Protein backbone atom coordinates (compact mmCIF):
# COMPACT_ATOMS: atom_id res chain seq x y z
CA MET A 1 4.65 18.88 1.54
CA ARG A 2 3.77 21.00 -1.45
CA LYS A 3 0.04 21.15 -2.08
CA ARG A 4 -1.22 20.57 -5.60
CA HIS A 5 -4.32 22.39 -6.74
CA LEU A 6 -6.35 21.22 -9.70
CA LEU A 7 -6.54 23.67 -12.57
CA LYS A 8 -9.91 25.18 -13.35
CA GLY A 9 -11.37 24.08 -16.64
CA ARG A 10 -14.60 23.96 -18.60
CA PRO A 11 -17.16 21.37 -17.50
CA PRO A 12 -17.62 18.36 -19.81
CA ALA A 13 -19.81 18.92 -22.86
CA LYS A 14 -22.26 16.23 -21.76
CA ILE A 15 -23.01 18.02 -18.50
CA ILE A 16 -23.54 21.29 -20.35
CA VAL A 17 -25.95 19.55 -22.73
CA VAL A 18 -27.80 17.87 -19.85
CA PHE A 19 -28.36 21.14 -17.99
CA SER A 20 -29.34 22.88 -21.23
CA VAL A 21 -31.92 20.18 -21.89
CA VAL A 22 -33.21 20.49 -18.32
CA VAL A 23 -33.63 24.26 -18.72
CA PHE A 24 -35.38 23.71 -22.05
CA VAL A 25 -37.73 21.12 -20.54
CA ILE A 26 -38.58 23.40 -17.61
CA ALA A 27 -39.26 26.35 -19.94
CA THR A 28 -41.36 24.24 -22.31
CA LEU A 29 -43.44 22.67 -19.54
CA THR A 30 -43.91 26.05 -17.90
CA MET A 31 -45.19 27.54 -21.14
CA PHE A 32 -47.48 24.56 -21.71
CA PHE A 33 -49.03 24.57 -18.24
CA THR A 34 -49.26 28.37 -18.18
CA GLY A 35 -50.98 28.37 -21.57
CA ALA A 36 -53.36 25.60 -20.52
CA ILE A 37 -54.31 27.32 -17.26
CA SER A 38 -54.67 30.68 -19.01
CA ALA A 39 -56.92 29.18 -21.69
CA LEU A 40 -59.05 27.59 -19.02
CA LEU A 41 -59.34 30.84 -17.08
CA PHE A 42 -60.17 32.79 -20.25
CA HIS A 43 -62.76 30.19 -21.11
CA LEU A 44 -64.27 30.67 -17.68
CA GLU A 45 -64.02 34.45 -18.31
CA VAL A 46 -61.97 34.91 -15.14
CA LEU A 47 -59.09 36.74 -16.83
CA GLY A 48 -61.28 38.57 -19.30
CA GLU A 49 -62.78 40.65 -16.54
CA LEU A 50 -59.34 42.03 -15.54
CA ASN A 51 -57.41 44.71 -17.39
CA ILE A 52 -54.43 43.83 -19.56
CA LEU A 53 -51.81 44.79 -16.93
CA LEU A 54 -53.33 42.56 -14.29
CA ASN A 55 -53.56 39.72 -16.80
CA VAL A 56 -49.86 40.05 -17.62
CA VAL A 57 -48.90 40.20 -13.93
CA PHE A 58 -51.03 37.16 -13.20
CA LEU A 59 -49.48 35.16 -16.03
CA CYS A 60 -45.93 36.15 -14.93
CA VAL A 61 -46.60 35.10 -11.35
CA LEU A 62 -48.16 31.85 -12.57
CA SER A 63 -45.13 31.15 -14.78
CA ILE A 64 -42.73 31.80 -11.89
CA ILE A 65 -44.64 29.47 -9.57
CA LEU A 66 -44.87 26.70 -12.15
CA SER A 67 -41.19 26.98 -13.21
CA THR A 68 -40.10 26.94 -9.55
CA ILE A 69 -42.12 23.79 -8.86
CA LEU A 70 -40.80 22.08 -11.99
CA ALA A 71 -37.19 23.13 -11.28
CA ARG A 72 -37.54 21.81 -7.75
CA MET A 73 -38.84 18.46 -8.93
CA LEU A 74 -36.35 17.98 -11.77
CA GLY A 75 -33.44 19.52 -9.83
CA THR A 76 -33.94 17.16 -6.91
CA ALA A 77 -33.78 14.16 -9.22
CA ILE A 78 -30.74 15.46 -11.09
CA LEU A 79 -28.80 16.67 -8.06
CA ARG A 80 -29.49 13.56 -5.94
CA PRO A 81 -26.21 11.85 -7.04
CA ILE A 82 -24.25 15.04 -6.34
CA SER A 83 -25.86 15.28 -2.90
CA ALA A 84 -24.86 11.65 -2.32
CA ILE A 85 -21.26 12.51 -3.21
CA ASN A 86 -21.39 15.46 -0.83
CA GLU A 87 -22.63 13.26 2.02
CA ALA A 88 -20.04 10.58 1.22
CA THR A 89 -17.17 13.09 1.28
CA LYS A 90 -18.43 14.44 4.62
CA ALA A 91 -18.40 10.91 6.04
CA MET A 92 -14.90 10.32 4.69
CA ALA A 93 -13.69 13.62 6.14
CA LYS A 94 -14.81 12.31 9.54
CA GLY A 95 -12.69 9.17 9.09
CA ASP A 96 -15.30 6.74 7.80
CA PHE A 97 -13.46 5.09 4.88
CA SER A 98 -16.01 2.29 4.56
CA VAL A 99 -18.50 4.55 2.76
CA ARG A 100 -19.23 3.60 -0.86
CA MET A 101 -21.31 5.22 -3.59
CA ASN A 102 -23.79 3.77 -6.06
CA GLU A 103 -22.14 3.76 -9.49
CA ASP A 104 -25.35 2.91 -11.35
CA VAL A 105 -26.16 6.48 -12.42
CA PRO A 106 -27.43 7.45 -15.91
CA ALA A 107 -25.03 10.40 -16.26
CA SER A 108 -21.65 8.92 -17.27
CA GLU A 109 -19.66 11.75 -15.63
CA ILE A 110 -21.43 11.24 -12.30
CA SER A 111 -21.00 7.47 -12.60
CA GLU A 112 -17.28 7.92 -13.30
CA MET A 113 -17.00 10.29 -10.35
CA ALA A 114 -18.69 7.73 -8.08
CA HIS A 115 -16.37 5.00 -9.41
CA ASN A 116 -13.25 7.09 -8.75
CA PHE A 117 -14.56 7.98 -5.30
CA ASN A 118 -15.00 4.29 -4.46
CA ILE A 119 -11.46 3.54 -5.63
CA MET A 120 -10.12 6.36 -3.45
CA ALA A 121 -12.15 5.14 -0.47
CA GLU A 122 -10.83 1.59 -0.88
CA GLU A 123 -7.23 2.82 -1.08
CA LEU A 124 -7.67 5.01 1.99
CA GLU A 125 -9.30 2.14 3.88
CA ARG A 126 -6.39 -0.16 3.01
CA THR A 127 -3.91 2.54 4.00
CA GLU A 128 -5.63 3.06 7.34
CA THR A 129 -5.71 -0.70 8.01
CA PHE A 130 -2.06 -1.02 7.07
CA SER A 131 -1.13 1.97 9.24
CA ASN A 132 -2.98 0.54 12.24
CA ASP A 133 -1.37 -2.87 11.73
CA PHE A 134 2.04 -1.25 11.33
CA ILE A 135 1.71 0.71 14.58
CA SER A 136 0.45 -2.40 16.38
CA ASN A 137 3.33 -4.49 15.07
CA VAL A 138 5.96 -1.86 15.86
CA SER A 139 4.60 -1.51 19.38
CA HIS A 140 4.69 -5.29 19.84
CA GLU A 141 8.19 -5.64 18.40
CA PHE A 142 9.51 -2.90 20.70
CA ASN A 143 7.59 -4.05 23.75
CA THR A 144 8.91 -7.64 23.70
CA PRO A 145 12.66 -6.89 23.98
CA LEU A 146 12.04 -3.93 26.30
CA SER A 147 10.08 -6.16 28.68
CA ALA A 148 12.88 -8.73 28.58
CA ILE A 149 15.51 -6.09 29.28
CA GLU A 150 13.48 -4.75 32.19
CA GLY A 151 12.99 -8.24 33.62
CA TYR A 152 16.63 -9.30 33.42
CA ALA A 153 17.83 -5.91 34.73
CA THR A 154 15.53 -6.38 37.74
CA LEU A 155 17.00 -9.82 38.38
CA LEU A 156 20.53 -8.41 38.22
CA GLN A 157 19.74 -6.19 41.20
CA ASN A 158 19.84 -9.26 43.44
CA LYS A 159 23.17 -9.00 45.30
CA ASN A 160 23.17 -12.73 46.08
CA LEU A 161 22.84 -13.71 42.43
CA GLU A 162 25.26 -16.40 41.27
CA GLU A 163 27.91 -15.28 38.81
CA GLU A 164 26.84 -17.85 36.22
CA LYS A 165 23.25 -16.59 36.21
CA ARG A 166 24.50 -13.00 36.18
CA GLN A 167 26.38 -13.65 32.94
CA VAL A 168 23.33 -15.35 31.43
CA TYR A 169 21.12 -12.38 32.27
CA ILE A 170 23.68 -9.93 30.86
CA ALA A 171 23.85 -11.95 27.66
CA LYS A 172 20.03 -11.86 27.43
CA ILE A 173 20.01 -8.10 27.89
CA LEU A 174 22.66 -7.62 25.19
CA PHE A 175 20.73 -9.91 22.84
CA ASN A 176 17.54 -7.85 23.23
CA VAL A 177 19.46 -4.58 22.90
CA LYS A 178 20.77 -5.85 19.56
CA ARG A 179 17.22 -6.77 18.55
CA LEU A 180 16.06 -3.23 19.33
CA SER A 181 18.99 -1.73 17.45
CA SER A 182 18.34 -3.96 14.43
CA LEU A 183 14.61 -3.20 14.47
CA THR A 184 15.19 0.57 14.68
CA GLY A 185 17.75 0.47 11.90
CA ASN A 186 15.52 -1.59 9.63
CA ILE A 187 12.50 0.66 10.19
CA LEU A 188 14.51 3.80 9.45
CA GLN A 189 16.09 2.33 6.35
CA LEU A 190 12.81 0.94 5.05
CA SER A 191 11.18 4.33 5.54
CA ARG A 192 14.00 5.97 3.59
CA LEU A 193 13.87 3.44 0.77
CA GLU A 194 10.08 3.67 0.45
CA ASN A 195 10.44 7.39 -0.26
CA GLN A 196 13.33 6.87 -2.66
CA GLN A 197 12.79 6.32 -6.37
CA ILE A 198 16.36 6.04 -7.64
CA MET A 199 19.38 4.07 -6.47
CA PRO A 200 22.24 5.84 -4.68
CA VAL A 201 25.76 6.00 -6.12
CA LYS A 202 26.54 2.92 -8.21
CA THR A 203 29.91 1.27 -8.70
CA SER A 204 31.31 -1.69 -10.60
CA TYR A 205 32.32 -4.55 -8.33
CA GLN A 206 32.69 -8.34 -8.23
CA LEU A 207 29.23 -9.70 -7.46
CA ASP A 208 30.54 -13.25 -6.98
CA GLU A 209 33.02 -12.01 -4.38
CA GLN A 210 30.25 -10.18 -2.53
CA LEU A 211 28.23 -13.40 -2.34
CA ARG A 212 31.26 -15.29 -0.99
CA GLU A 213 31.71 -12.64 1.71
CA THR A 214 28.04 -13.07 2.64
CA VAL A 215 28.51 -16.83 3.05
CA ILE A 216 31.59 -16.30 5.21
CA LEU A 217 29.70 -13.73 7.32
CA PHE A 218 27.30 -16.49 8.46
CA GLU A 219 29.99 -19.15 8.89
CA GLU A 220 29.44 -19.50 12.63
CA GLN A 221 25.70 -20.14 12.16
CA TRP A 222 25.88 -22.67 9.31
CA SER A 223 28.86 -24.42 10.88
CA ALA A 224 26.95 -24.86 14.15
CA LYS A 225 24.13 -26.62 12.23
CA ASN A 226 26.56 -28.61 10.08
CA ILE A 227 24.96 -27.25 6.92
CA GLN A 228 26.50 -28.35 3.63
CA LEU A 229 27.08 -25.56 1.09
CA ASP A 230 26.82 -25.91 -2.66
CA ILE A 231 28.39 -22.73 -4.09
CA ASP A 232 28.45 -22.22 -7.87
CA LEU A 233 29.35 -18.65 -8.80
CA GLU A 234 30.33 -17.30 -12.17
CA ASN A 235 32.83 -14.45 -12.39
CA VAL A 236 30.48 -11.43 -12.68
CA VAL A 237 31.36 -7.75 -12.61
CA TYR A 238 28.15 -5.94 -11.71
CA TYR A 239 27.34 -2.23 -11.84
CA GLY A 240 25.03 -1.26 -8.98
CA SER A 241 24.75 -0.24 -5.33
CA CYS A 242 27.19 -2.51 -3.51
CA ASP A 243 26.02 -1.64 0.02
CA LEU A 244 22.29 -2.08 -0.62
CA LEU A 245 22.65 -5.34 -2.53
CA ALA A 246 24.83 -6.70 0.26
CA GLN A 247 21.77 -6.39 2.51
CA VAL A 248 19.69 -8.37 0.03
CA TRP A 249 22.12 -11.32 0.08
CA GLN A 250 22.52 -11.16 3.86
CA ASN A 251 18.76 -11.15 4.50
CA ILE A 252 17.98 -13.98 2.07
CA PHE A 253 21.03 -16.15 2.87
CA GLY A 254 20.50 -15.52 6.60
CA ASN A 255 16.92 -16.80 6.24
CA ALA A 256 18.19 -19.89 4.42
CA VAL A 257 20.57 -20.64 7.31
CA LYS A 258 17.88 -19.95 9.89
CA PHE A 259 15.31 -22.28 8.34
CA SER A 260 17.66 -25.05 7.21
CA PRO A 261 17.57 -28.16 9.39
CA GLU A 262 20.60 -29.77 11.03
CA ASN A 263 22.84 -31.32 8.36
CA GLY A 264 20.84 -29.47 5.71
CA THR A 265 22.02 -28.08 2.38
CA ILE A 266 22.09 -24.56 0.96
CA ARG A 267 22.78 -23.83 -2.69
CA VAL A 268 24.02 -20.45 -3.92
CA ILE A 269 24.19 -20.01 -7.70
CA LEU A 270 25.21 -16.95 -9.73
CA ARG A 271 24.72 -16.81 -13.48
CA GLN A 272 25.15 -14.01 -16.01
CA GLU A 273 22.51 -14.24 -18.73
CA ASP A 274 21.77 -12.08 -21.78
CA ASN A 275 20.84 -8.75 -20.22
CA HIS A 276 20.57 -9.69 -16.55
CA VAL A 277 22.19 -11.63 -13.72
CA ARG A 278 20.41 -14.30 -11.71
CA VAL A 279 21.21 -15.18 -8.11
CA SER A 280 19.52 -18.27 -6.64
CA ILE A 281 19.66 -19.10 -2.92
CA ALA A 282 17.91 -22.35 -2.02
CA ASP A 283 17.56 -24.44 1.14
CA ASN A 284 15.91 -27.76 2.03
CA GLY A 285 14.03 -26.38 5.03
CA PRO A 286 10.30 -26.59 5.87
CA GLY A 287 9.21 -24.58 2.82
CA MET A 288 6.23 -22.28 2.64
CA SER A 289 2.54 -22.69 1.91
CA PRO A 290 0.98 -20.67 -0.94
CA GLU A 291 -0.68 -18.41 1.66
CA VAL A 292 2.68 -17.62 3.30
CA GLN A 293 4.32 -16.98 -0.07
CA GLN A 294 1.71 -14.35 -0.88
CA ARG A 295 2.46 -12.41 2.31
CA ILE A 296 6.16 -13.08 2.80
CA PHE A 297 7.22 -9.56 1.76
CA GLU A 298 4.75 -7.77 4.06
CA LYS A 299 6.17 -5.72 6.91
CA PHE A 300 6.56 -7.67 10.17
CA TYR A 301 5.05 -10.80 8.65
CA GLN A 302 6.68 -14.01 9.87
CA GLY A 303 5.22 -17.18 8.43
CA ASP A 304 7.01 -19.46 10.90
CA ASN A 305 6.34 -18.35 14.48
CA SER A 306 8.90 -20.82 15.82
CA HIS A 307 11.64 -18.46 14.59
CA SER A 308 9.92 -15.21 15.49
CA GLY A 309 12.49 -14.45 18.18
CA GLU A 310 15.31 -14.48 15.62
CA GLY A 311 14.06 -11.62 13.45
CA ASN A 312 11.57 -8.80 13.13
CA GLY A 313 9.87 -9.55 9.81
CA LEU A 314 11.50 -6.67 7.94
CA GLY A 315 14.43 -8.40 6.24
CA LEU A 316 12.57 -9.66 3.19
CA THR A 317 10.58 -6.43 2.94
CA LEU A 318 13.86 -4.52 2.73
CA ALA A 319 15.26 -6.99 0.21
CA LYS A 320 12.19 -6.66 -2.00
CA ARG A 321 12.30 -2.87 -1.92
CA ILE A 322 16.01 -2.77 -2.80
CA VAL A 323 15.53 -5.19 -5.71
CA ASP A 324 12.59 -3.08 -6.93
CA LEU A 325 14.80 0.02 -6.87
CA CYS A 326 17.34 -1.90 -8.95
CA GLY A 327 14.64 -2.61 -11.52
CA GLY A 328 14.81 -6.34 -10.77
CA GLN A 329 12.48 -8.94 -9.34
CA ILE A 330 12.41 -11.69 -6.72
CA ILE A 331 10.80 -15.02 -7.62
CA ILE A 332 9.94 -17.54 -4.90
CA SER A 333 9.87 -21.27 -5.53
CA SER A 334 8.75 -23.19 -2.46
CA LYS A 335 6.81 -26.27 -1.37
CA GLU A 336 5.97 -27.33 2.14
CA ASN A 337 8.53 -29.83 3.53
CA LYS A 338 10.53 -29.47 0.29
CA GLY A 339 12.50 -26.29 0.86
CA THR A 340 12.53 -22.77 -0.53
CA ALA A 341 14.45 -21.05 -3.32
CA PHE A 342 14.74 -17.30 -3.89
CA HIS A 343 15.66 -16.25 -7.42
CA ILE A 344 16.85 -12.64 -7.69
CA ILE A 345 17.00 -11.28 -11.23
CA LEU A 346 18.84 -7.99 -11.73
CA PRO A 347 19.19 -6.04 -15.00
CA VAL A 348 22.67 -5.44 -16.33
CA GLU A 349 23.55 -1.77 -16.65
CA THR A 350 26.50 -0.09 -18.33
CA PRO A 351 28.41 2.53 -16.30
CA ASN A 352 28.00 6.04 -17.68
């Protein structure tokens, strides 16, 4: 990674003025106290008894002592916020991202510096928390299928195992291998998309046909649950990334099938509007609470634990990232026990 160094520049005018005033105050007070002490000593005829050279040396030494004391006193007060920043950065360098600075400082530049430091500390603390949660979740998601594979593989070593059970165990192993493969693929793709700011090669294609292919892809699942489909698709030629958007429809429609009850209904609607297209995928499943809706796009988050074995909590995160790259948005409309609808709005672009 290329390191970026800040350019050197002149300090803000306010800071220059402040330090100039401090120097002026120190010089003025030094002159005042030196004059007062000298007058007192002359009045007491202490200095008068010395020659001129000794008087000058004495006054110079007195001025140096007084200015040093005053500079120490005023400097400590002025540099206290800077010392606090120094200590805070040392703590952060050691990994303590909970440190915060007092922003109530008279100097506006120091106050702004403390404010920016606190913002940086909060962001780093959130990043560390997210990183720790991510590692924990990845470890858990990998450990579950690996443990299952190990367990069923151990059972298969029994030479007296019935053929029917053997086939069941093999099927379980294959199922968990697919889970691992899907999890690995999703993590790698999400990592790539998070570091990508522009869409890959775009083409013009039939968006309505892509949605029909998605529905057919899940035919076995929705047929097994006797789900009724309400498909209403306009003829839309869309210019975008066909492969990435296919994942959006598969993840969202797959969730609708997964959460729909037996004999449920799923509606898929495609409309072309002024300068965008709208795709709505709705089910009459259990719905989501407001708390779940706020976190539904987080990595590895699964609001309904009863279906946790059927996914890895990355599908909607991927869908959201892809839609963001397209310059679109996903709107959720959901109520508990009333179902959920995902509305995907994509801008219409003209091929170059």
